[in-house]
Amino acid sequence: MVHFVGAGPGAADLLTVRGMRLLARAGCVIYAGSLVNPALLAYAPAGCTVYNSAEMTLEQVLQAIRDAEAAGVDTVRLHTGDPCLYGAIQEQMDALDALGIPWDDTPGVSSFCAAAAALGAEYTLPGVSQSLIITRMAGRTPVPAGEDLTALASHGCSMVLFLSAGLLDEVQARLLQGAYTPDTPAAIVYKASWPQQKLLRCTLGTLARTAAEAGVRSTALVLVGDFLAQGGYQRSKLYDPAFTTGFREGKA
């Protein structure tokens, strides 16, 4: 059987308990070596066969899984963050279905969550933004029609960009064509939760320059929106003493 496991954003102790238990009894581990912290491999048992998928094609990954199935051992397919985001797992699941190989999926902590935690930020602030756009800048991998960054920026809500740290001049220009302004708060989080983590606060107007001066060109998330500003949000209704909920009566 194949277990897709979200490795979390980087810190070894942000792997889920379920993921750790699956790793502990794996006979084969295929991990995304370009992004997954290799320290997580310490959870795998001695004698476990380990592959770095950064050096493999999909066909080679599937062959390694078939070899593990023939040997009667489980495979853990270890993806960075949560594999539902930019994890290229659907094509693997579909291929396994076609091969008749069973699989399951264990979610992980996404780096966009770790980035907010590192910044002490909340994406959904009452009166500021109640929506979060997770996207990427089109590069060698295109984005579908209708998901152009300028069009998404027209909403002006909280935004996180993956896989875009090397394209920040264009990111900045496109976002400024939307509802954001040069003064809109922004942040660059390099390797969220890793020991090498860097937090770079800036404005959208200084985004590209900030990254360049810090030497950040990859493995970073870009966060944009007024949720990063200090204050300016409304108090939540949930904990307002005058607000009635299904669990308590509001009192003026």
Protein backbone atom coordinates (compact mmCIF):
# COMPACT_ATOMS: atom_id res chain seq x y z
CA MET A 1 0.00 0.00 0.00
CA VAL A 2 1.08 3.60 -0.60
CA HIS A 3 0.66 6.29 2.04
CA PHE A 4 0.83 9.86 0.79
CA VAL A 5 2.02 11.89 3.78
CA GLY A 6 2.25 15.64 4.19
CA ALA A 7 5.66 16.29 5.71
CA GLY A 8 4.73 19.73 7.03
CA PRO A 9 6.52 23.00 6.31
CA GLY A 10 9.99 21.93 7.41
CA ALA A 11 10.41 21.55 11.16
CA ALA A 12 10.68 17.86 11.98
CA ASP A 13 8.29 18.15 14.91
CA LEU A 14 5.54 19.62 12.72
CA LEU A 15 5.00 16.24 11.07
CA THR A 16 1.66 14.82 12.23
CA VAL A 17 1.53 11.90 14.66
CA ARG A 18 -0.14 9.77 11.98
CA GLY A 19 2.56 10.65 9.49
CA MET A 20 5.29 9.75 11.98
CA ARG A 21 3.67 6.38 12.68
CA LEU A 22 3.38 5.58 8.98
CA LEU A 23 7.04 6.48 8.45
CA ALA A 24 8.05 4.29 11.38
CA ARG A 25 6.72 1.16 9.68
CA ALA A 26 7.52 1.97 6.05
CA GLY A 27 9.61 -0.35 3.93
CA CYS A 28 10.07 2.26 1.23
CA VAL A 29 10.11 6.07 1.43
CA ILE A 30 9.98 8.34 -1.60
CA TYR A 31 10.48 11.91 -0.44
CA ALA A 32 10.50 15.25 -2.26
CA GLY A 33 14.15 15.99 -1.59
CA SER A 34 14.09 19.48 -3.03
CA LEU A 35 11.75 20.68 -0.28
CA VAL A 36 11.27 18.10 2.48
CA ASN A 37 13.57 18.40 5.48
CA PRO A 38 15.78 15.26 5.39
CA ALA A 39 15.66 15.20 9.20
CA LEU A 40 12.23 13.59 8.86
CA LEU A 41 13.87 10.48 7.43
CA ALA A 42 15.09 9.71 10.96
CA TYR A 43 11.53 8.51 11.69
CA ALA A 44 11.91 5.75 9.09
CA PRO A 45 13.16 2.33 10.28
CA ALA A 46 16.63 0.99 9.65
CA GLY A 47 16.85 -0.86 6.37
CA CYS A 48 14.09 1.17 4.75
CA THR A 49 14.72 1.91 1.07
CA VAL A 50 14.80 5.68 0.49
CA TYR A 51 14.39 7.49 -2.83
CA ASN A 52 14.72 11.21 -3.55
CA SER A 53 11.94 12.06 -5.99
CA ALA A 54 13.64 15.33 -6.96
CA GLU A 55 15.89 13.17 -9.13
CA MET A 56 13.08 10.97 -10.51
CA THR A 57 10.35 11.07 -13.13
CA LEU A 58 6.77 9.99 -12.44
CA GLU A 59 7.50 6.72 -14.23
CA GLN A 60 10.50 6.06 -11.98
CA VAL A 61 8.44 6.83 -8.87
CA LEU A 62 5.78 4.35 -9.99
CA GLN A 63 8.42 1.70 -10.67
CA ALA A 64 9.84 2.12 -7.16
CA ILE A 65 6.33 1.68 -5.78
CA ARG A 66 5.77 -1.43 -7.86
CA ASP A 67 9.07 -2.85 -6.56
CA ALA A 68 7.97 -2.17 -2.98
CA GLU A 69 4.60 -3.82 -3.61
CA ALA A 70 6.37 -6.87 -5.04
CA ALA A 71 8.53 -7.00 -1.91
CA GLY A 72 5.43 -6.84 0.28
CA VAL A 73 6.27 -3.55 2.01
CA ASP A 74 4.38 -0.28 2.37
CA THR A 75 5.57 2.91 0.68
CA VAL A 76 5.39 6.36 2.23
CA ARG A 77 5.29 9.06 -0.43
CA LEU A 78 6.49 12.06 1.55
CA HIS A 79 5.48 15.44 0.14
CA THR A 80 6.26 18.88 1.49
CA GLY A 81 3.61 20.79 3.47
CA ASP A 82 0.21 19.39 2.64
CA PRO A 83 0.31 17.46 -0.62
CA CYS A 84 -3.03 18.87 -1.81
CA LEU A 85 -1.23 22.15 -2.61
CA TYR A 86 1.22 22.00 -5.52
CA GLY A 87 2.01 18.39 -4.65
CA ALA A 88 1.40 16.77 -8.07
CA ILE A 89 -0.35 13.93 -6.26
CA GLN A 90 -3.47 13.55 -8.39
CA GLU A 91 -1.52 12.07 -11.28
CA GLN A 92 0.12 9.62 -8.88
CA MET A 93 -3.18 8.58 -7.31
CA ASP A 94 -4.77 8.08 -10.71
CA ALA A 95 -1.81 5.99 -11.86
CA LEU A 96 -2.00 3.85 -8.71
CA ASP A 97 -5.72 3.33 -9.29
CA ALA A 98 -4.94 2.14 -12.82
CA LEU A 99 -2.33 -0.26 -11.43
CA GLY A 100 -4.68 -1.57 -8.75
CA ILE A 101 -2.39 -0.41 -5.93
CA PRO A 102 -4.26 0.90 -2.85
CA TRP A 103 -3.35 4.24 -1.30
CA ASP A 104 -4.43 6.73 1.34
CA ASP A 105 -3.61 10.36 2.06
CA THR A 106 -2.47 11.89 5.36
CA PRO A 107 -2.69 15.69 5.41
CA GLY A 108 0.12 17.87 6.69
CA VAL A 109 0.70 21.40 7.97
CA SER A 110 1.04 23.69 4.95
CA SER A 111 3.77 26.29 4.79
CA PHE A 112 1.14 29.03 4.38
CA CYS A 113 0.00 28.16 7.92
CA ALA A 114 3.57 28.11 9.21
CA ALA A 115 4.25 31.48 7.57
CA ALA A 116 1.27 33.10 9.29
CA ALA A 117 2.32 31.57 12.61
CA ALA A 118 5.86 32.91 12.23
CA LEU A 119 4.52 36.39 11.50
CA GLY A 120 1.91 36.26 14.25
CA ALA A 121 -0.73 36.95 11.61
CA GLU A 122 -4.35 35.97 10.95
CA TYR A 123 -5.47 35.88 7.32
CA THR A 124 -9.17 36.36 8.09
CA LEU A 125 -9.68 39.50 10.15
CA PRO A 126 -13.22 40.89 10.63
CA GLY A 127 -13.65 44.08 8.69
CA VAL A 128 -10.38 43.57 6.81
CA SER A 129 -10.48 40.32 4.84
CA GLN A 130 -12.59 37.20 5.09
CA SER A 131 -11.05 35.45 2.10
CA LEU A 132 -7.64 34.04 1.29
CA ILE A 133 -6.32 33.49 -2.23
CA ILE A 134 -3.59 30.85 -2.54
CA THR A 135 -1.95 31.03 -5.93
CA ARG A 136 1.30 31.27 -7.87
CA MET A 137 2.85 33.40 -10.57
CA ALA A 138 2.82 31.86 -14.03
CA GLY A 139 6.31 30.78 -15.04
CA ARG A 140 7.47 27.70 -16.90
CA THR A 141 4.31 26.14 -15.47
CA PRO A 142 1.36 28.19 -16.76
CA VAL A 143 -1.82 28.99 -14.85
CA PRO A 144 -5.30 28.43 -16.30
CA ALA A 145 -7.06 31.23 -18.14
CA GLY A 146 -8.96 33.38 -15.67
CA GLU A 147 -6.38 32.90 -12.90
CA ASP A 148 -4.03 35.64 -14.04
CA LEU A 149 -2.48 37.35 -11.02
CA THR A 150 -3.82 40.76 -12.01
CA ALA A 151 -7.36 39.41 -12.12
CA LEU A 152 -7.00 37.74 -8.71
CA ALA A 153 -5.52 40.93 -7.26
CA SER A 154 -8.72 42.80 -8.13
CA HIS A 155 -10.33 41.28 -5.02
CA GLY A 156 -7.86 42.95 -2.66
CA CYS A 157 -8.21 40.18 -0.10
CA SER A 158 -5.47 38.29 1.75
CA MET A 159 -3.14 36.51 -0.65
CA VAL A 160 -0.33 33.95 -0.43
CA LEU A 161 1.88 33.14 -3.39
CA PHE A 162 3.76 29.88 -3.62
CA LEU A 163 6.57 29.14 -6.08
CA SER A 164 6.98 32.79 -7.07
CA ALA A 165 9.98 34.09 -5.11
CA GLY A 166 12.14 34.20 -8.24
CA LEU A 167 9.62 36.31 -10.15
CA LEU A 168 8.95 39.13 -7.73
CA ASP A 169 9.45 42.02 -10.14
CA GLU A 170 6.58 40.72 -12.23
CA VAL A 171 4.56 39.69 -9.17
CA GLN A 172 4.83 43.21 -7.78
CA ALA A 173 3.85 44.83 -11.08
CA ARG A 174 0.83 42.59 -11.58
CA LEU A 175 -0.47 42.96 -8.03
CA LEU A 176 -0.23 46.73 -8.28
CA GLN A 177 -2.58 46.57 -11.28
CA GLY A 178 -5.25 45.14 -8.97
CA ALA A 179 -6.82 46.50 -5.78
CA TYR A 180 -3.57 46.71 -3.82
CA THR A 181 -1.44 49.85 -3.53
CA PRO A 182 2.32 50.40 -3.09
CA ASP A 183 1.63 50.84 0.64
CA THR A 184 -0.23 47.53 1.03
CA PRO A 185 1.60 45.50 3.70
CA ALA A 186 3.54 42.47 2.46
CA ALA A 187 5.93 39.88 3.82
CA ILE A 188 8.36 37.31 2.48
CA VAL A 189 8.82 34.20 4.60
CA TYR A 190 11.85 32.14 3.67
CA LYS A 191 11.79 28.48 4.75
CA ALA A 192 8.96 28.84 7.26
CA SER A 193 9.63 26.79 10.44
CA TRP A 194 13.13 25.71 9.34
CA PRO A 195 16.17 26.74 11.42
CA GLN A 196 17.11 29.01 8.47
CA GLN A 197 13.75 30.82 8.56
CA LYS A 198 13.80 34.51 7.57
CA LEU A 199 10.93 36.97 8.01
CA LEU A 200 11.05 40.00 5.74
CA ARG A 201 8.29 42.56 6.31
CA CYS A 202 7.84 45.21 3.66
CA THR A 203 5.21 46.87 1.48
CA LEU A 204 4.06 45.75 -1.93
CA GLY A 205 5.91 48.69 -3.44
CA THR A 206 9.22 47.43 -1.97
CA LEU A 207 8.59 43.69 -2.38
CA ALA A 208 11.08 42.86 -5.13
CA ARG A 209 13.80 45.10 -3.68
CA THR A 210 13.40 43.59 -0.21
CA ALA A 211 13.85 40.05 -1.51
CA ALA A 212 16.82 41.01 -3.67
CA GLU A 213 18.61 42.76 -0.80
CA ALA A 214 18.11 39.70 1.41
CA GLY A 215 19.24 37.31 -1.32
CA VAL A 216 15.94 35.40 -1.29
CA ARG A 217 15.14 33.83 -4.66
CA SER A 218 13.44 30.54 -3.83
CA THR A 219 11.83 28.46 -1.05
CA ALA A 220 9.85 31.45 0.16
CA LEU A 221 6.21 32.44 0.40
CA VAL A 222 4.92 35.90 -0.42
CA LEU A 223 2.08 37.25 1.72
CA VAL A 224 0.15 40.36 0.71
CA GLY A 225 -2.79 42.17 2.26
CA ASP A 226 -4.04 44.51 4.94
CA PHE A 227 -4.21 41.61 7.40
CA LEU A 228 -0.49 42.27 7.92
CA ALA A 229 -1.12 45.81 9.14
CA GLN A 230 -1.16 46.58 12.83
CA GLY A 231 -4.74 47.03 14.04
CA GLY A 232 -7.63 48.29 11.95
CA TYR A 233 -9.77 45.17 12.34
CA GLN A 234 -13.07 44.69 14.14
CA ARG A 235 -13.60 42.62 17.25
CA SER A 236 -14.96 39.14 16.52
CA LYS A 237 -18.65 38.57 17.13
CA LEU A 238 -17.99 35.08 18.51
CA TYR A 239 -16.44 36.40 21.72
CA ASP A 240 -18.43 39.63 21.98
CA PRO A 241 -20.38 39.56 25.28
CA ALA A 242 -23.39 41.13 23.54
CA PHE A 243 -23.50 38.46 20.81
CA THR A 244 -25.78 35.45 21.35
CA THR A 245 -24.50 32.06 20.16
CA GLY A 246 -25.76 28.50 20.44
CA PHE A 247 -23.76 28.16 23.65
CA ARG A 248 -24.41 31.37 25.57
CA GLU A 249 -26.86 34.26 25.79
CA GLY A 250 -25.55 37.67 24.82
CA LYS A 251 -25.76 40.46 27.39
CA ALA A 252 -25.62 44.16 26.61
